N, C-alpha and C. Protein backbone atom coordinates (compact mmCIF):
# COMPACT_ATOMS: atom_id res chain seq x y z
N MET A 1 60.68 109.31 29.12
CA MET A 1 59.85 108.73 28.10
C MET A 1 59.02 109.83 27.44
N GLU A 2 58.80 109.70 26.18
CA GLU A 2 58.03 110.69 25.46
C GLU A 2 56.55 110.53 25.76
N LYS A 3 55.84 111.64 25.62
CA LYS A 3 54.40 111.61 25.87
C LYS A 3 53.69 110.66 24.91
N GLU A 4 54.14 110.63 23.65
CA GLU A 4 53.49 109.76 22.66
C GLU A 4 53.57 108.30 23.08
N LYS A 5 54.71 107.90 23.59
CA LYS A 5 54.87 106.51 23.99
C LYS A 5 53.98 106.20 25.19
N LEU A 6 53.86 107.16 26.11
CA LEU A 6 53.01 106.93 27.27
C LEU A 6 51.55 106.86 26.86
N GLU A 7 51.16 107.71 25.93
CA GLU A 7 49.76 107.73 25.50
C GLU A 7 49.37 106.48 24.71
N SER A 8 50.34 105.87 24.06
CA SER A 8 50.02 104.69 23.24
C SER A 8 49.96 103.40 24.06
N GLN A 9 50.41 103.45 25.30
CA GLN A 9 50.40 102.24 26.14
C GLN A 9 49.09 102.16 26.91
N SER A 10 48.69 100.94 27.21
CA SER A 10 47.47 100.76 27.97
C SER A 10 47.71 101.09 29.44
N SER A 11 46.63 101.28 30.16
CA SER A 11 46.73 101.61 31.58
C SER A 11 47.37 100.47 32.37
N ASN A 12 47.04 99.24 32.00
CA ASN A 12 47.63 98.10 32.70
C ASN A 12 49.14 98.03 32.47
N GLU A 13 49.57 98.33 31.25
CA GLU A 13 51.01 98.34 30.97
C GLU A 13 51.72 99.40 31.80
N LEU A 14 51.11 100.57 31.90
CA LEU A 14 51.71 101.65 32.69
C LEU A 14 51.79 101.27 34.17
N ARG A 15 50.73 100.68 34.69
CA ARG A 15 50.74 100.26 36.11
C ARG A 15 51.83 99.22 36.36
N GLN A 16 51.97 98.28 35.43
CA GLN A 16 52.99 97.24 35.57
C GLN A 16 54.39 97.85 35.50
N LYS A 17 54.60 98.80 34.61
CA LYS A 17 55.91 99.43 34.50
C LYS A 17 56.23 100.26 35.74
N ILE A 18 55.23 100.94 36.30
CA ILE A 18 55.44 101.71 37.53
C ILE A 18 55.84 100.77 38.67
N LYS A 19 55.15 99.66 38.77
CA LYS A 19 55.46 98.69 39.81
C LYS A 19 56.88 98.14 39.64
N THR A 20 57.26 97.82 38.41
CA THR A 20 58.59 97.30 38.13
C THR A 20 59.67 98.33 38.46
N ILE A 21 59.44 99.58 38.07
CA ILE A 21 60.40 100.64 38.37
C ILE A 21 60.58 100.80 39.87
N LYS A 22 59.48 100.77 40.62
CA LYS A 22 59.58 100.94 42.07
C LYS A 22 60.35 99.80 42.72
N VAL A 23 60.15 98.58 42.25
CA VAL A 23 60.88 97.43 42.80
C VAL A 23 62.37 97.55 42.49
N ILE A 24 62.68 97.89 41.25
CA ILE A 24 64.09 98.01 40.85
C ILE A 24 64.77 99.15 41.59
N VAL A 25 64.10 100.28 41.73
CA VAL A 25 64.66 101.42 42.46
C VAL A 25 64.88 101.04 43.93
N GLY A 26 63.95 100.33 44.50
CA GLY A 26 64.10 99.90 45.89
C GLY A 26 65.29 98.97 46.08
N MET A 27 65.45 98.04 45.15
CA MET A 27 66.60 97.13 45.24
C MET A 27 67.91 97.87 45.03
N LEU A 28 67.95 98.79 44.08
CA LEU A 28 69.16 99.55 43.83
C LEU A 28 69.51 100.44 45.01
N ALA A 29 68.52 101.08 45.59
CA ALA A 29 68.76 101.94 46.76
C ALA A 29 69.23 101.10 47.95
N GLY A 30 68.60 99.96 48.16
CA GLY A 30 69.00 99.09 49.27
C GLY A 30 70.42 98.57 49.11
N THR A 31 70.75 98.16 47.89
CA THR A 31 72.10 97.68 47.62
C THR A 31 73.13 98.79 47.80
N SER A 32 72.79 99.99 47.36
CA SER A 32 73.72 101.12 47.50
C SER A 32 73.94 101.48 48.96
N ILE A 33 72.88 101.46 49.74
CA ILE A 33 73.01 101.75 51.17
C ILE A 33 73.83 100.68 51.86
N LEU A 34 73.59 99.43 51.53
CA LEU A 34 74.37 98.34 52.11
C LEU A 34 75.85 98.47 51.73
N LEU A 35 76.13 98.80 50.49
CA LEU A 35 77.51 98.99 50.05
C LEU A 35 78.16 100.15 50.78
N LEU A 36 77.42 101.23 50.96
CA LEU A 36 77.94 102.39 51.69
C LEU A 36 78.26 102.04 53.13
N VAL A 37 77.39 101.28 53.78
CA VAL A 37 77.61 100.87 55.17
C VAL A 37 78.84 99.97 55.28
N VAL A 38 78.97 99.02 54.37
CA VAL A 38 80.12 98.10 54.41
C VAL A 38 81.43 98.84 54.19
N VAL A 39 81.44 99.75 53.22
CA VAL A 39 82.66 100.50 52.94
C VAL A 39 83.03 101.39 54.12
N LEU A 40 82.04 102.05 54.70
CA LEU A 40 82.33 102.91 55.86
C LEU A 40 82.78 102.08 57.06
N TYR A 41 82.21 100.90 57.24
CA TYR A 41 82.64 100.01 58.31
C TYR A 41 84.10 99.61 58.12
N LEU A 42 84.44 99.20 56.90
CA LEU A 42 85.82 98.80 56.63
C LEU A 42 86.78 99.98 56.79
N LEU A 43 86.33 101.15 56.43
CA LEU A 43 87.19 102.33 56.52
C LEU A 43 87.40 102.75 57.97
N ILE A 44 86.34 102.78 58.76
CA ILE A 44 86.43 103.29 60.13
C ILE A 44 86.94 102.24 61.10
N VAL A 45 86.33 101.08 61.10
CA VAL A 45 86.66 100.07 62.10
C VAL A 45 87.92 99.28 61.74
N LYS A 46 87.98 98.82 60.52
CA LYS A 46 89.08 97.95 60.11
C LYS A 46 90.29 98.72 59.58
N LYS A 47 90.14 100.03 59.37
CA LYS A 47 91.21 100.87 58.82
C LYS A 47 91.71 100.34 57.47
N ASN A 48 90.78 99.87 56.66
CA ASN A 48 91.08 99.29 55.36
C ASN A 48 90.63 100.27 54.27
N ASN A 49 91.59 100.87 53.57
CA ASN A 49 91.27 101.85 52.54
C ASN A 49 91.11 101.23 51.16
N SER A 50 91.27 99.94 51.02
CA SER A 50 91.25 99.31 49.71
C SER A 50 89.87 99.33 49.06
N MET A 51 88.81 99.44 49.83
CA MET A 51 87.46 99.42 49.29
C MET A 51 86.88 100.83 49.10
N LEU A 52 87.69 101.84 49.31
CA LEU A 52 87.22 103.21 49.24
C LEU A 52 86.68 103.57 47.86
N ALA A 53 87.22 102.98 46.83
CA ALA A 53 86.76 103.28 45.47
C ALA A 53 85.31 102.85 45.24
N LEU A 54 84.81 101.94 46.05
CA LEU A 54 83.42 101.50 45.90
C LEU A 54 82.42 102.56 46.34
N LEU A 55 82.90 103.60 47.03
CA LEU A 55 82.00 104.71 47.37
C LEU A 55 81.49 105.39 46.11
N VAL A 56 82.30 105.40 45.07
CA VAL A 56 81.88 105.98 43.80
C VAL A 56 80.69 105.22 43.25
N VAL A 57 80.71 103.92 43.37
CA VAL A 57 79.60 103.09 42.88
C VAL A 57 78.32 103.41 43.65
N ALA A 58 78.44 103.55 44.95
CA ALA A 58 77.26 103.84 45.77
C ALA A 58 76.67 105.20 45.41
N PHE A 59 77.52 106.20 45.24
CA PHE A 59 77.02 107.54 44.95
C PHE A 59 76.62 107.70 43.48
N SER A 60 77.16 106.91 42.60
CA SER A 60 76.80 107.03 41.19
C SER A 60 75.42 106.43 40.90
N SER A 61 74.87 105.68 41.82
CA SER A 61 73.54 105.12 41.61
C SER A 61 72.44 106.15 41.90
N ILE A 62 72.78 107.25 42.54
CA ILE A 62 71.78 108.27 42.88
C ILE A 62 71.12 108.86 41.63
N PRO A 63 71.87 109.27 40.60
CA PRO A 63 71.19 109.78 39.40
C PRO A 63 70.31 108.74 38.71
N ILE A 64 70.70 107.49 38.76
CA ILE A 64 69.89 106.42 38.15
C ILE A 64 68.57 106.30 38.90
N ILE A 65 68.63 106.35 40.21
CA ILE A 65 67.43 106.28 41.03
C ILE A 65 66.51 107.46 40.74
N LEU A 66 67.07 108.66 40.70
CA LEU A 66 66.27 109.86 40.46
C LEU A 66 65.62 109.83 39.07
N PHE A 67 66.37 109.39 38.06
CA PHE A 67 65.83 109.31 36.71
C PHE A 67 64.65 108.34 36.65
N ASN A 68 64.80 107.18 37.28
CA ASN A 68 63.72 106.19 37.25
C ASN A 68 62.50 106.66 38.02
N LEU A 69 62.72 107.35 39.14
CA LEU A 69 61.58 107.88 39.88
C LEU A 69 60.85 108.97 39.08
N LYS A 70 61.60 109.75 38.31
CA LYS A 70 60.98 110.76 37.45
C LYS A 70 60.13 110.10 36.39
N GLN A 71 60.62 109.02 35.81
CA GLN A 71 59.83 108.29 34.81
C GLN A 71 58.56 107.73 35.42
N ALA A 72 58.67 107.16 36.62
CA ALA A 72 57.49 106.61 37.28
C ALA A 72 56.47 107.71 37.58
N LYS A 73 56.97 108.88 37.94
CA LYS A 73 56.08 110.00 38.21
C LYS A 73 55.35 110.44 36.95
N GLN A 74 56.05 110.46 35.81
CA GLN A 74 55.41 110.82 34.54
C GLN A 74 54.35 109.79 34.16
N MET A 75 54.65 108.52 34.38
CA MET A 75 53.67 107.47 34.08
C MET A 75 52.45 107.60 34.97
N GLN A 76 52.68 107.90 36.25
CA GLN A 76 51.56 108.06 37.17
C GLN A 76 50.71 109.27 36.79
N ALA A 77 51.34 110.35 36.33
CA ALA A 77 50.60 111.52 35.87
C ALA A 77 49.74 111.18 34.67
N GLU A 78 50.26 110.36 33.77
CA GLU A 78 49.48 109.93 32.61
C GLU A 78 48.28 109.09 33.05
N LEU A 79 48.49 108.20 34.02
CA LEU A 79 47.37 107.40 34.53
C LEU A 79 46.32 108.28 35.20
N ASP A 80 46.76 109.26 35.97
CA ASP A 80 45.82 110.17 36.62
C ASP A 80 45.03 110.98 35.60
N LEU A 81 45.71 111.37 34.52
CA LEU A 81 45.04 112.11 33.46
C LEU A 81 43.97 111.25 32.79
N ARG A 82 44.26 109.98 32.62
CA ARG A 82 43.29 109.07 32.00
C ARG A 82 42.10 108.85 32.91
N GLU A 83 42.34 108.77 34.21
CA GLU A 83 41.23 108.53 35.14
C GLU A 83 40.30 109.73 35.24
N LYS A 84 40.85 110.93 35.07
CA LYS A 84 40.02 112.14 35.11
C LYS A 84 39.17 112.28 33.87
N SER A 85 39.64 111.72 32.77
CA SER A 85 38.90 111.86 31.50
C SER A 85 37.71 110.93 31.42
């Protein structure tokens, strides 16, 4: 997000967006971990290779998680800057 957009939003809006991002990132990370566990279980225990392609889905969510956490960090930095002023 651009600095101008962050500066034009109210503190309450930023806090709400940070909270929303954290919830969404938590759900995405939890779902990805669950998917990884299920695929590895099917691969190791059941000897079923048909779900192996879903590993790509689990690992492709990592950049999405990192990007959203970076945005939340920028929003938090803007809030901290406002509180110091």
